[in-house]
Amino acid sequence: MRKKQLKGKEHDQGWEEKVVQIRRVTKVVKGGKKLSFRAVLVVGNEKGQIGVGIGKASDVIGAVKKGVADARKHIINIPLTKTYSIPHTTEGISGAAKVIIKPSAIGSGVIAGGSTRIVLELAGVKNILAKQLGSGNTLNNARAVLNAFSKLKTLKKAAQDRDIEMKNLFK
C-alpha cells in the first residue's frame, strides 16, 4: 500500500492518499490488445472526511493522478463520536458488495479487512467493527463503506428530522 501526503492547500489539513489497488487491464481492438492501468485510491484527512476514486490511464502515474482527482470530487463528511467511532450500526451496499459497520469499545481498534480497513483508517475511525458480505470486489467494498457512512445520523440530526427537541428524543 502506498501512503502519500498531498501537496498544496490540502497538505495544511493533513490529507493523505492511499492506493488500494492497481490493475493492468486490456482492451481488444482491431490491431491487437491495448494495455492500460486502473488505480483505486482513497483520500482522507483522518478527521471525518473521506473519498474513494478511480483512475484509468496508459501509465500507472497517470492513473493514480486521475484517481486522486476523482476521490477529491467524491469526499463525504462522517459524524465521529468522542471515542473516534460511529454513532450507530449501519449497512452499505454497492453492486453485489454489502458492508456492515458497528461501533466498538474503546481500545478495540479497527477490526476490518481489505479495502474496508483502509477507508475506515483514513476516515479517522479508531474503534470499529466491520464485515464484508457478498462480493470481495475491492472497489465495490470501498464504495459500500462510503454508502454506509452517508446513512449515519447524529442524535441532533435525528431530532431535527423528527421536529422534536433533543431532550424529548428518548421519551
N, C-alpha and C. Protein backbone atom coordinates (compact mmCIF):
# COMPACT_ATOMS: atom_id res chain seq x y z
N MET A 1 0.83 -1.18 0.00
CA MET A 1 0.00 0.00 0.00
C MET A 1 0.88 1.25 0.00
N ARG A 2 0.47 2.22 -0.76
CA ARG A 2 1.23 3.45 -0.85
C ARG A 2 0.52 4.52 -0.05
N LYS A 3 1.26 5.23 0.80
CA LYS A 3 0.70 6.30 1.60
C LYS A 3 1.49 7.56 1.29
N LYS A 4 0.79 8.62 0.95
CA LYS A 4 1.49 9.82 0.49
C LYS A 4 0.78 11.06 1.01
N GLN A 5 1.55 12.06 1.38
CA GLN A 5 0.98 13.34 1.78
C GLN A 5 0.65 14.15 0.53
N LEU A 6 -0.51 14.77 0.52
CA LEU A 6 -0.89 15.60 -0.62
C LEU A 6 -0.22 16.96 -0.53
N LYS A 7 0.03 17.55 -1.70
CA LYS A 7 0.71 18.85 -1.73
C LYS A 7 -0.31 19.97 -1.81
N GLY A 8 0.18 21.20 -1.57
CA GLY A 8 -0.66 22.38 -1.74
C GLY A 8 -1.56 22.65 -0.56
N LYS A 9 -2.77 23.13 -0.86
CA LYS A 9 -3.74 23.53 0.16
C LYS A 9 -4.13 22.37 1.07
N GLU A 10 -4.25 21.17 0.49
CA GLU A 10 -4.66 20.00 1.27
C GLU A 10 -3.59 19.58 2.27
N HIS A 11 -2.32 19.90 1.99
CA HIS A 11 -1.23 19.50 2.87
C HIS A 11 -1.39 20.11 4.26
N ASP A 12 -1.91 21.33 4.33
CA ASP A 12 -2.11 22.01 5.61
C ASP A 12 -3.15 21.28 6.47
N GLN A 13 -4.14 20.66 5.86
CA GLN A 13 -5.22 20.00 6.59
C GLN A 13 -4.90 18.55 6.91
N GLY A 14 -3.76 18.03 6.49
CA GLY A 14 -3.38 16.66 6.79
C GLY A 14 -4.04 15.62 5.92
N TRP A 15 -4.29 15.93 4.67
CA TRP A 15 -4.91 14.97 3.76
C TRP A 15 -3.89 13.90 3.39
N GLU A 16 -4.35 12.66 3.33
CA GLU A 16 -3.50 11.55 2.93
C GLU A 16 -4.19 10.77 1.82
N GLU A 17 -3.38 10.15 0.98
CA GLU A 17 -3.92 9.30 -0.07
C GLU A 17 -3.30 7.92 0.05
N LYS A 18 -4.09 6.90 -0.23
CA LYS A 18 -3.59 5.54 -0.24
C LYS A 18 -4.07 4.85 -1.51
N VAL A 19 -3.16 4.18 -2.17
CA VAL A 19 -3.53 3.38 -3.33
C VAL A 19 -4.02 2.04 -2.81
N VAL A 20 -5.26 1.70 -3.11
CA VAL A 20 -5.85 0.45 -2.66
C VAL A 20 -5.52 -0.67 -3.64
N GLN A 21 -5.58 -0.36 -4.92
CA GLN A 21 -5.38 -1.39 -5.93
C GLN A 21 -4.92 -0.77 -7.24
N ILE A 22 -3.98 -1.45 -7.89
CA ILE A 22 -3.58 -1.08 -9.25
C ILE A 22 -3.71 -2.33 -10.10
N ARG A 23 -4.47 -2.23 -11.16
CA ARG A 23 -4.69 -3.38 -12.04
C ARG A 23 -4.32 -3.04 -13.48
N ARG A 24 -3.70 -4.00 -14.15
CA ARG A 24 -3.43 -3.84 -15.57
C ARG A 24 -4.62 -4.41 -16.32
N VAL A 25 -5.23 -3.60 -17.13
CA VAL A 25 -6.41 -4.05 -17.89
C VAL A 25 -6.11 -3.96 -19.39
N THR A 26 -6.75 -4.81 -20.15
CA THR A 26 -6.54 -4.81 -21.60
C THR A 26 -7.85 -4.63 -22.34
N LYS A 27 -7.74 -3.97 -23.46
CA LYS A 27 -8.89 -3.78 -24.33
C LYS A 27 -8.51 -4.35 -25.70
N VAL A 28 -9.32 -5.25 -26.21
CA VAL A 28 -9.02 -5.85 -27.50
C VAL A 28 -9.56 -4.94 -28.61
N VAL A 29 -8.65 -4.49 -29.45
CA VAL A 29 -9.01 -3.62 -30.58
C VAL A 29 -8.60 -4.33 -31.89
N LYS A 30 -8.87 -3.68 -33.00
CA LYS A 30 -8.61 -4.26 -34.31
C LYS A 30 -7.14 -4.67 -34.48
N GLY A 31 -6.24 -3.87 -33.97
CA GLY A 31 -4.80 -4.13 -34.14
C GLY A 31 -4.20 -5.03 -33.08
N GLY A 32 -4.97 -5.48 -32.11
CA GLY A 32 -4.44 -6.32 -31.04
C GLY A 32 -4.98 -5.91 -29.68
N LYS A 33 -4.15 -6.02 -28.67
CA LYS A 33 -4.57 -5.66 -27.32
C LYS A 33 -3.96 -4.33 -26.91
N LYS A 34 -4.80 -3.49 -26.29
CA LYS A 34 -4.31 -2.19 -25.81
C LYS A 34 -4.26 -2.25 -24.28
N LEU A 35 -3.08 -2.05 -23.70
CA LEU A 35 -2.88 -2.10 -22.26
C LEU A 35 -3.17 -0.76 -21.61
N SER A 36 -3.78 -0.79 -20.44
CA SER A 36 -3.95 0.42 -19.63
C SER A 36 -3.98 -0.01 -18.17
N PHE A 37 -3.97 0.97 -17.27
CA PHE A 37 -3.95 0.68 -15.84
C PHE A 37 -5.14 1.33 -15.14
N ARG A 38 -5.66 0.61 -14.14
CA ARG A 38 -6.76 1.14 -13.33
C ARG A 38 -6.27 1.23 -11.90
N ALA A 39 -6.42 2.41 -11.29
CA ALA A 39 -5.99 2.61 -9.91
C ALA A 39 -7.19 3.01 -9.06
N VAL A 40 -7.35 2.33 -7.91
CA VAL A 40 -8.39 2.67 -6.94
C VAL A 40 -7.70 3.35 -5.78
N LEU A 41 -8.13 4.58 -5.45
CA LEU A 41 -7.49 5.36 -4.40
C LEU A 41 -8.49 5.82 -3.35
N VAL A 42 -7.97 6.02 -2.13
CA VAL A 42 -8.76 6.57 -1.04
C VAL A 42 -8.04 7.81 -0.54
N VAL A 43 -8.78 8.91 -0.38
CA VAL A 43 -8.24 10.16 0.13
C VAL A 43 -9.00 10.52 1.40
N GLY A 44 -8.27 10.80 2.49
CA GLY A 44 -8.91 11.15 3.75
C GLY A 44 -8.03 12.03 4.61
N ASN A 45 -8.64 12.71 5.58
CA ASN A 45 -7.86 13.58 6.47
C ASN A 45 -7.84 13.08 7.91
N GLU A 46 -8.38 11.89 8.16
CA GLU A 46 -8.45 11.27 9.49
C GLU A 46 -9.21 12.15 10.50
N LYS A 47 -10.09 13.01 10.00
CA LYS A 47 -10.92 13.86 10.85
C LYS A 47 -12.38 13.79 10.42
N GLY A 48 -12.76 12.72 9.74
CA GLY A 48 -14.15 12.56 9.36
C GLY A 48 -14.47 12.90 7.92
N GLN A 49 -13.45 13.10 7.08
CA GLN A 49 -13.69 13.36 5.67
C GLN A 49 -12.98 12.28 4.86
N ILE A 50 -13.70 11.70 3.90
CA ILE A 50 -13.15 10.57 3.14
C ILE A 50 -13.72 10.56 1.72
N GLY A 51 -12.92 10.09 0.77
CA GLY A 51 -13.37 9.96 -0.61
C GLY A 51 -12.70 8.79 -1.29
N VAL A 52 -13.41 8.11 -2.17
CA VAL A 52 -12.88 6.99 -2.94
C VAL A 52 -12.94 7.37 -4.41
N GLY A 53 -11.83 7.15 -5.12
CA GLY A 53 -11.80 7.49 -6.54
C GLY A 53 -11.15 6.42 -7.38
N ILE A 54 -11.41 6.48 -8.67
CA ILE A 54 -10.84 5.52 -9.62
C ILE A 54 -10.27 6.29 -10.80
N GLY A 55 -9.12 5.84 -11.27
CA GLY A 55 -8.49 6.49 -12.42
C GLY A 55 -7.97 5.46 -13.39
N LYS A 56 -8.12 5.73 -14.68
CA LYS A 56 -7.61 4.84 -15.72
C LYS A 56 -6.73 5.64 -16.66
N ALA A 57 -5.56 5.07 -16.99
CA ALA A 57 -4.64 5.73 -17.91
C ALA A 57 -3.70 4.69 -18.49
N SER A 58 -2.91 5.10 -19.48
CA SER A 58 -1.98 4.17 -20.12
C SER A 58 -0.74 3.91 -19.28
N ASP A 59 -0.50 4.76 -18.25
CA ASP A 59 0.60 4.53 -17.32
C ASP A 59 0.09 4.62 -15.88
N VAL A 60 0.84 4.03 -14.95
CA VAL A 60 0.41 3.95 -13.56
C VAL A 60 0.32 5.34 -12.92
N ILE A 61 1.29 6.19 -13.17
CA ILE A 61 1.32 7.52 -12.55
C ILE A 61 0.11 8.34 -12.98
N GLY A 62 -0.23 8.29 -14.26
CA GLY A 62 -1.41 9.00 -14.76
C GLY A 62 -2.69 8.47 -14.14
N ALA A 63 -2.78 7.15 -13.97
CA ALA A 63 -3.97 6.55 -13.36
C ALA A 63 -4.11 6.98 -11.91
N VAL A 64 -2.99 7.05 -11.18
CA VAL A 64 -3.02 7.47 -9.77
C VAL A 64 -3.45 8.93 -9.66
N LYS A 65 -2.93 9.79 -10.54
CA LYS A 65 -3.31 11.22 -10.51
C LYS A 65 -4.80 11.39 -10.78
N LYS A 66 -5.32 10.65 -11.76
CA LYS A 66 -6.75 10.73 -12.07
C LYS A 66 -7.59 10.18 -10.92
N GLY A 67 -7.09 9.13 -10.27
CA GLY A 67 -7.79 8.55 -9.12
C GLY A 67 -7.87 9.52 -7.95
N VAL A 68 -6.79 10.25 -7.69
CA VAL A 68 -6.77 11.26 -6.61
C VAL A 68 -7.77 12.37 -6.93
N ALA A 69 -7.78 12.84 -8.17
CA ALA A 69 -8.71 13.90 -8.57
C ALA A 69 -10.16 13.43 -8.42
N ASP A 70 -10.43 12.17 -8.79
CA ASP A 70 -11.78 11.62 -8.67
C ASP A 70 -12.18 11.46 -7.20
N ALA A 71 -11.24 11.03 -6.37
CA ALA A 71 -11.52 10.85 -4.94
C ALA A 71 -11.84 12.19 -4.27
N ARG A 72 -11.13 13.25 -4.66
CA ARG A 72 -11.39 14.58 -4.09
C ARG A 72 -12.78 15.10 -4.47
N LYS A 73 -13.28 14.69 -5.65
CA LYS A 73 -14.62 15.11 -6.08
C LYS A 73 -15.71 14.43 -5.26
N HIS A 74 -15.43 13.22 -4.75
CA HIS A 74 -16.44 12.43 -4.06
C HIS A 74 -16.22 12.36 -2.56
N ILE A 75 -15.72 13.44 -1.95
CA ILE A 75 -15.45 13.45 -0.50
C ILE A 75 -16.77 13.65 0.25
N ILE A 76 -16.96 12.84 1.32
CA ILE A 76 -18.13 12.99 2.19
C ILE A 76 -17.65 13.21 3.63
N ASN A 77 -18.51 13.83 4.43
CA ASN A 77 -18.23 14.04 5.85
C ASN A 77 -18.96 12.98 6.65
N ILE A 78 -18.29 12.47 7.69
CA ILE A 78 -18.94 11.48 8.55
C ILE A 78 -18.92 11.98 9.99
N PRO A 79 -19.99 11.69 10.74
CA PRO A 79 -20.01 12.10 12.15
C PRO A 79 -19.21 11.12 13.00
N LEU A 80 -18.20 11.61 13.69
CA LEU A 80 -17.41 10.78 14.60
C LEU A 80 -17.79 11.10 16.04
N THR A 81 -17.80 10.07 16.90
CA THR A 81 -18.07 10.29 18.32
C THR A 81 -16.78 10.71 19.02
N LYS A 82 -16.88 11.00 20.32
CA LYS A 82 -15.70 11.40 21.10
C LYS A 82 -14.68 10.27 21.19
N THR A 83 -15.15 9.03 21.06
CA THR A 83 -14.26 7.87 21.14
C THR A 83 -13.76 7.45 19.76
N TYR A 84 -13.88 8.31 18.77
CA TYR A 84 -13.46 8.05 17.40
C TYR A 84 -14.12 6.79 16.84
N SER A 85 -15.42 6.70 17.04
CA SER A 85 -16.22 5.62 16.50
C SER A 85 -17.39 6.26 15.74
N ILE A 86 -18.38 5.45 15.37
CA ILE A 86 -19.55 5.98 14.68
C ILE A 86 -20.74 5.95 15.63
N PRO A 87 -21.78 6.77 15.40
CA PRO A 87 -22.91 6.86 16.33
C PRO A 87 -23.75 5.58 16.44
N HIS A 88 -23.89 4.82 15.36
CA HIS A 88 -24.76 3.65 15.39
C HIS A 88 -24.36 2.66 14.29
N THR A 89 -24.92 1.46 14.37
CA THR A 89 -24.68 0.42 13.36
C THR A 89 -25.34 0.81 12.04
N THR A 90 -24.66 0.50 10.95
CA THR A 90 -25.21 0.84 9.64
C THR A 90 -24.73 -0.17 8.60
N GLU A 91 -25.44 -0.21 7.49
CA GLU A 91 -25.09 -1.09 6.37
C GLU A 91 -24.94 -0.27 5.10
N GLY A 92 -24.04 -0.71 4.24
CA GLY A 92 -23.84 -0.04 2.96
C GLY A 92 -23.79 -1.06 1.84
N ILE A 93 -24.30 -0.67 0.68
CA ILE A 93 -24.33 -1.57 -0.48
C ILE A 93 -23.78 -0.84 -1.71
N SER A 94 -22.96 -1.55 -2.46
CA SER A 94 -22.50 -1.06 -3.76
C SER A 94 -22.35 -2.28 -4.66
N GLY A 95 -23.18 -2.39 -5.65
CA GLY A 95 -23.17 -3.57 -6.50
C GLY A 95 -23.57 -4.80 -5.69
N ALA A 96 -22.76 -5.86 -5.78
CA ALA A 96 -23.04 -7.08 -5.01
C ALA A 96 -22.35 -7.06 -3.65
N ALA A 97 -21.56 -6.00 -3.37
CA ALA A 97 -20.85 -5.90 -2.11
C ALA A 97 -21.73 -5.26 -1.04
N LYS A 98 -21.75 -5.88 0.13
CA LYS A 98 -22.50 -5.36 1.26
C LYS A 98 -21.55 -5.28 2.46
N VAL A 99 -21.60 -4.18 3.19
CA VAL A 99 -20.73 -3.98 4.34
C VAL A 99 -21.57 -3.62 5.55
N ILE A 100 -21.31 -4.29 6.68
CA ILE A 100 -21.96 -3.95 7.95
C ILE A 100 -20.91 -3.32 8.85
N ILE A 101 -21.22 -2.13 9.38
CA ILE A 101 -20.29 -1.40 10.24
C ILE A 101 -20.94 -1.17 11.59
N LYS A 102 -20.22 -1.56 12.66
CA LYS A 102 -20.73 -1.40 14.02
C LYS A 102 -19.74 -0.62 14.88
N PRO A 103 -20.24 0.27 15.75
CA PRO A 103 -19.33 0.93 16.70
C PRO A 103 -18.77 -0.11 17.67
N SER A 104 -17.55 0.13 18.14
CA SER A 104 -16.89 -0.83 19.01
C SER A 104 -16.38 -0.15 20.27
N ALA A 105 -15.98 -0.95 21.25
CA ALA A 105 -15.50 -0.44 22.53
C ALA A 105 -14.18 0.31 22.38
N ILE A 106 -13.90 1.19 23.31
CA ILE A 106 -12.66 1.97 23.29
C ILE A 106 -11.47 1.03 23.39
N GLY A 107 -10.48 1.24 22.54
CA GLY A 107 -9.27 0.43 22.56
C GLY A 107 -9.33 -0.82 21.71
N SER A 108 -10.47 -1.09 21.08
CA SER A 108 -10.59 -2.31 20.27
C SER A 108 -9.91 -2.16 18.91
N GLY A 109 -9.75 -0.95 18.43
CA GLY A 109 -9.09 -0.71 17.15
C GLY A 109 -10.02 -0.93 15.97
N VAL A 110 -9.43 -0.94 14.79
CA VAL A 110 -10.18 -1.14 13.55
C VAL A 110 -10.17 -2.63 13.24
N ILE A 111 -11.33 -3.27 13.38
CA ILE A 111 -11.47 -4.68 13.08
C ILE A 111 -12.19 -4.78 11.74
N ALA A 112 -11.40 -4.87 10.67
CA ALA A 112 -11.95 -4.92 9.31
C ALA A 112 -10.86 -5.45 8.39
N GLY A 113 -11.24 -5.81 7.20
CA GLY A 113 -10.27 -6.33 6.25
C GLY A 113 -10.38 -5.68 4.90
N GLY A 114 -9.34 -5.86 4.10
CA GLY A 114 -9.33 -5.38 2.72
C GLY A 114 -9.44 -3.88 2.58
N SER A 115 -10.15 -3.45 1.56
CA SER A 115 -10.29 -2.03 1.28
C SER A 115 -11.14 -1.33 2.35
N THR A 116 -11.99 -2.09 3.04
CA THR A 116 -12.82 -1.53 4.11
C THR A 116 -11.94 -0.95 5.20
N ARG A 117 -10.89 -1.65 5.57
CA ARG A 117 -9.97 -1.21 6.62
C ARG A 117 -9.28 0.10 6.24
N ILE A 118 -8.82 0.20 4.99
CA ILE A 118 -8.13 1.40 4.52
C ILE A 118 -9.06 2.61 4.57
N VAL A 119 -10.29 2.43 4.11
CA VAL A 119 -11.26 3.54 4.13
C VAL A 119 -11.54 3.98 5.56
N LEU A 120 -11.74 3.03 6.48
CA LEU A 120 -12.04 3.36 7.87
C LEU A 120 -10.87 4.08 8.54
N GLU A 121 -9.64 3.63 8.29
CA GLU A 121 -8.48 4.26 8.90
C GLU A 121 -8.28 5.69 8.39
N LEU A 122 -8.42 5.91 7.10
CA LEU A 122 -8.24 7.26 6.55
C LEU A 122 -9.38 8.19 6.91
N ALA A 123 -10.53 7.64 7.29
CA ALA A 123 -11.65 8.47 7.74
C ALA A 123 -11.41 8.96 9.17
N GLY A 124 -10.49 8.32 9.90
CA GLY A 124 -10.21 8.74 11.27
C GLY A 124 -10.94 7.93 12.31
N VAL A 125 -11.56 6.82 11.90
CA VAL A 125 -12.27 5.96 12.84
C VAL A 125 -11.25 5.06 13.52
N LYS A 126 -11.28 5.04 14.86
CA LYS A 126 -10.29 4.26 15.61
C LYS A 126 -10.87 3.01 16.27
N ASN A 127 -12.15 3.02 16.62
CA ASN A 127 -12.79 1.89 17.29
C ASN A 127 -14.03 1.46 16.51
N ILE A 128 -13.88 0.40 15.73
CA ILE A 128 -14.98 -0.01 14.87
C ILE A 128 -14.85 -1.49 14.49
N LEU A 129 -15.97 -2.09 14.18
CA LEU A 129 -16.00 -3.48 13.71
C LEU A 129 -16.74 -3.48 12.38
N ALA A 130 -16.16 -4.09 11.36
CA ALA A 130 -16.78 -4.11 10.04
C ALA A 130 -16.69 -5.50 9.43
N LYS A 131 -17.72 -5.85 8.66
CA LYS A 131 -17.75 -7.15 7.99
C LYS A 131 -18.19 -6.97 6.55
N GLN A 132 -17.39 -7.53 5.63
CA GLN A 132 -17.73 -7.51 4.21
C GLN A 132 -18.56 -8.75 3.89
N LEU A 133 -19.69 -8.55 3.23
CA LEU A 133 -20.55 -9.65 2.83
C LEU A 133 -20.73 -9.60 1.32
N GLY A 134 -21.01 -10.74 0.73
CA GLY A 134 -21.25 -10.77 -0.71
C GLY A 134 -19.94 -10.75 -1.48
N SER A 135 -19.77 -9.77 -2.32
CA SER A 135 -18.63 -9.68 -3.22
C SER A 135 -17.34 -9.31 -2.49
N GLY A 136 -16.22 -9.78 -3.02
CA GLY A 136 -14.92 -9.40 -2.49
C GLY A 136 -14.26 -8.33 -3.33
N ASN A 137 -15.03 -7.73 -4.24
CA ASN A 137 -14.51 -6.69 -5.13
C ASN A 137 -14.02 -5.50 -4.32
N THR A 138 -12.75 -5.12 -4.53
CA THR A 138 -12.12 -4.06 -3.77
C THR A 138 -12.82 -2.72 -3.93
N LEU A 139 -13.10 -2.33 -5.14
CA LEU A 139 -13.73 -1.03 -5.42
C LEU A 139 -15.15 -0.98 -4.85
N ASN A 140 -15.95 -2.02 -5.06
CA ASN A 140 -17.32 -2.04 -4.57
C ASN A 140 -17.38 -2.05 -3.04
N ASN A 141 -16.45 -2.73 -2.38
CA ASN A 141 -16.42 -2.72 -0.92
C ASN A 141 -16.06 -1.34 -0.38
N ALA A 142 -15.12 -0.65 -1.02
CA ALA A 142 -14.76 0.71 -0.60
C ALA A 142 -15.95 1.65 -0.79
N ARG A 143 -16.66 1.50 -1.91
CA ARG A 143 -17.84 2.35 -2.16
C ARG A 143 -18.99 1.99 -1.23
N ALA A 144 -19.09 0.72 -0.82
CA ALA A 144 -20.13 0.30 0.12
C ALA A 144 -19.90 0.94 1.49
N VAL A 145 -18.64 1.10 1.90
CA VAL A 145 -18.33 1.78 3.16
C VAL A 145 -18.76 3.24 3.08
N LEU A 146 -18.50 3.91 1.96
CA LEU A 146 -18.95 5.29 1.79
C LEU A 146 -20.47 5.38 1.82
N ASN A 147 -21.14 4.41 1.24
CA ASN A 147 -22.60 4.36 1.26
C ASN A 147 -23.10 4.22 2.69
N ALA A 148 -22.44 3.37 3.47
CA ALA A 148 -22.81 3.19 4.88
C ALA A 148 -22.58 4.48 5.67
N PHE A 149 -21.45 5.15 5.41
CA PHE A 149 -21.15 6.41 6.09
C PHE A 149 -22.19 7.49 5.77
N SER A 150 -22.69 7.50 4.54
CA SER A 150 -23.66 8.51 4.15
C SER A 150 -25.01 8.32 4.86
N LYS A 151 -25.26 7.11 5.39
CA LYS A 151 -26.51 6.84 6.11
C LYS A 151 -26.43 7.17 7.60
N LEU A 152 -25.24 7.53 8.09
CA LEU A 152 -25.08 7.82 9.52
C LEU A 152 -25.77 9.11 9.91
N LYS A 153 -26.37 9.11 11.13
CA LYS A 153 -27.04 10.30 11.67
C LYS A 153 -26.60 10.51 13.12
N THR A 154 -26.47 11.75 13.51
CA THR A 154 -26.22 12.07 14.91
C THR A 154 -27.55 12.23 15.61
N LEU A 155 -27.54 12.26 16.93
CA LEU A 155 -28.78 12.46 17.70
C LEU A 155 -29.41 13.80 17.35
N LYS A 156 -28.56 14.81 17.18
CA LYS A 156 -29.06 16.15 16.85
C LYS A 156 -29.80 16.15 15.50
N LYS A 157 -29.22 15.46 14.51
CA LYS A 157 -29.83 15.38 13.18
C LYS A 157 -31.14 14.58 13.23
N ALA A 158 -31.18 13.49 14.03
CA ALA A 158 -32.40 12.69 14.16
C ALA A 158 -33.52 13.51 14.79
N ALA A 159 -33.17 14.33 15.78
CA ALA A 159 -34.16 15.19 16.43
C ALA A 159 -34.69 16.24 15.45
N GLN A 160 -33.80 16.81 14.61
CA GLN A 160 -34.22 17.79 13.62
C GLN A 160 -35.15 17.17 12.58
N ASP A 161 -34.83 15.96 12.15
CA ASP A 161 -35.65 15.28 11.15
C ASP A 161 -37.06 15.01 11.67
N ARG A 162 -37.19 14.75 12.95
CA ARG A 162 -38.50 14.46 13.55
C ARG A 162 -39.19 15.71 14.09
N ASP A 163 -38.54 16.85 14.01
CA ASP A 163 -39.06 18.12 14.51
C ASP A 163 -39.39 18.07 16.01
N ILE A 164 -38.48 17.48 16.78
CA ILE A 164 -38.63 17.47 18.23
C ILE A 164 -37.33 17.93 18.87
N GLU A 165 -37.41 18.28 20.15
CA GLU A 165 -36.21 18.72 20.86
C GLU A 165 -35.38 17.52 21.29
N MET A 166 -34.09 17.75 21.52
CA MET A 166 -33.17 16.68 21.91
C MET A 166 -33.63 15.98 23.19
N LYS A 167 -34.11 16.77 24.17
CA LYS A 167 -34.49 16.18 25.46
C LYS A 167 -35.74 15.27 25.34
N ASN A 168 -36.55 15.49 24.30
CA ASN A 168 -37.75 14.67 24.10
C ASN A 168 -37.51 13.46 23.19
N LEU A 169 -36.28 13.29 22.74
CA LEU A 169 -35.96 12.24 21.78
C LEU A 169 -36.13 10.83 22.38
N PHE A 170 -35.87 10.66 23.67
CA PHE A 170 -35.92 9.35 24.28
C PHE A 170 -37.18 9.09 25.10
N LYS A 171 -38.16 9.97 25.03
CA LYS A 171 -39.39 9.80 25.80
C LYS A 171 -40.39 8.94 25.07
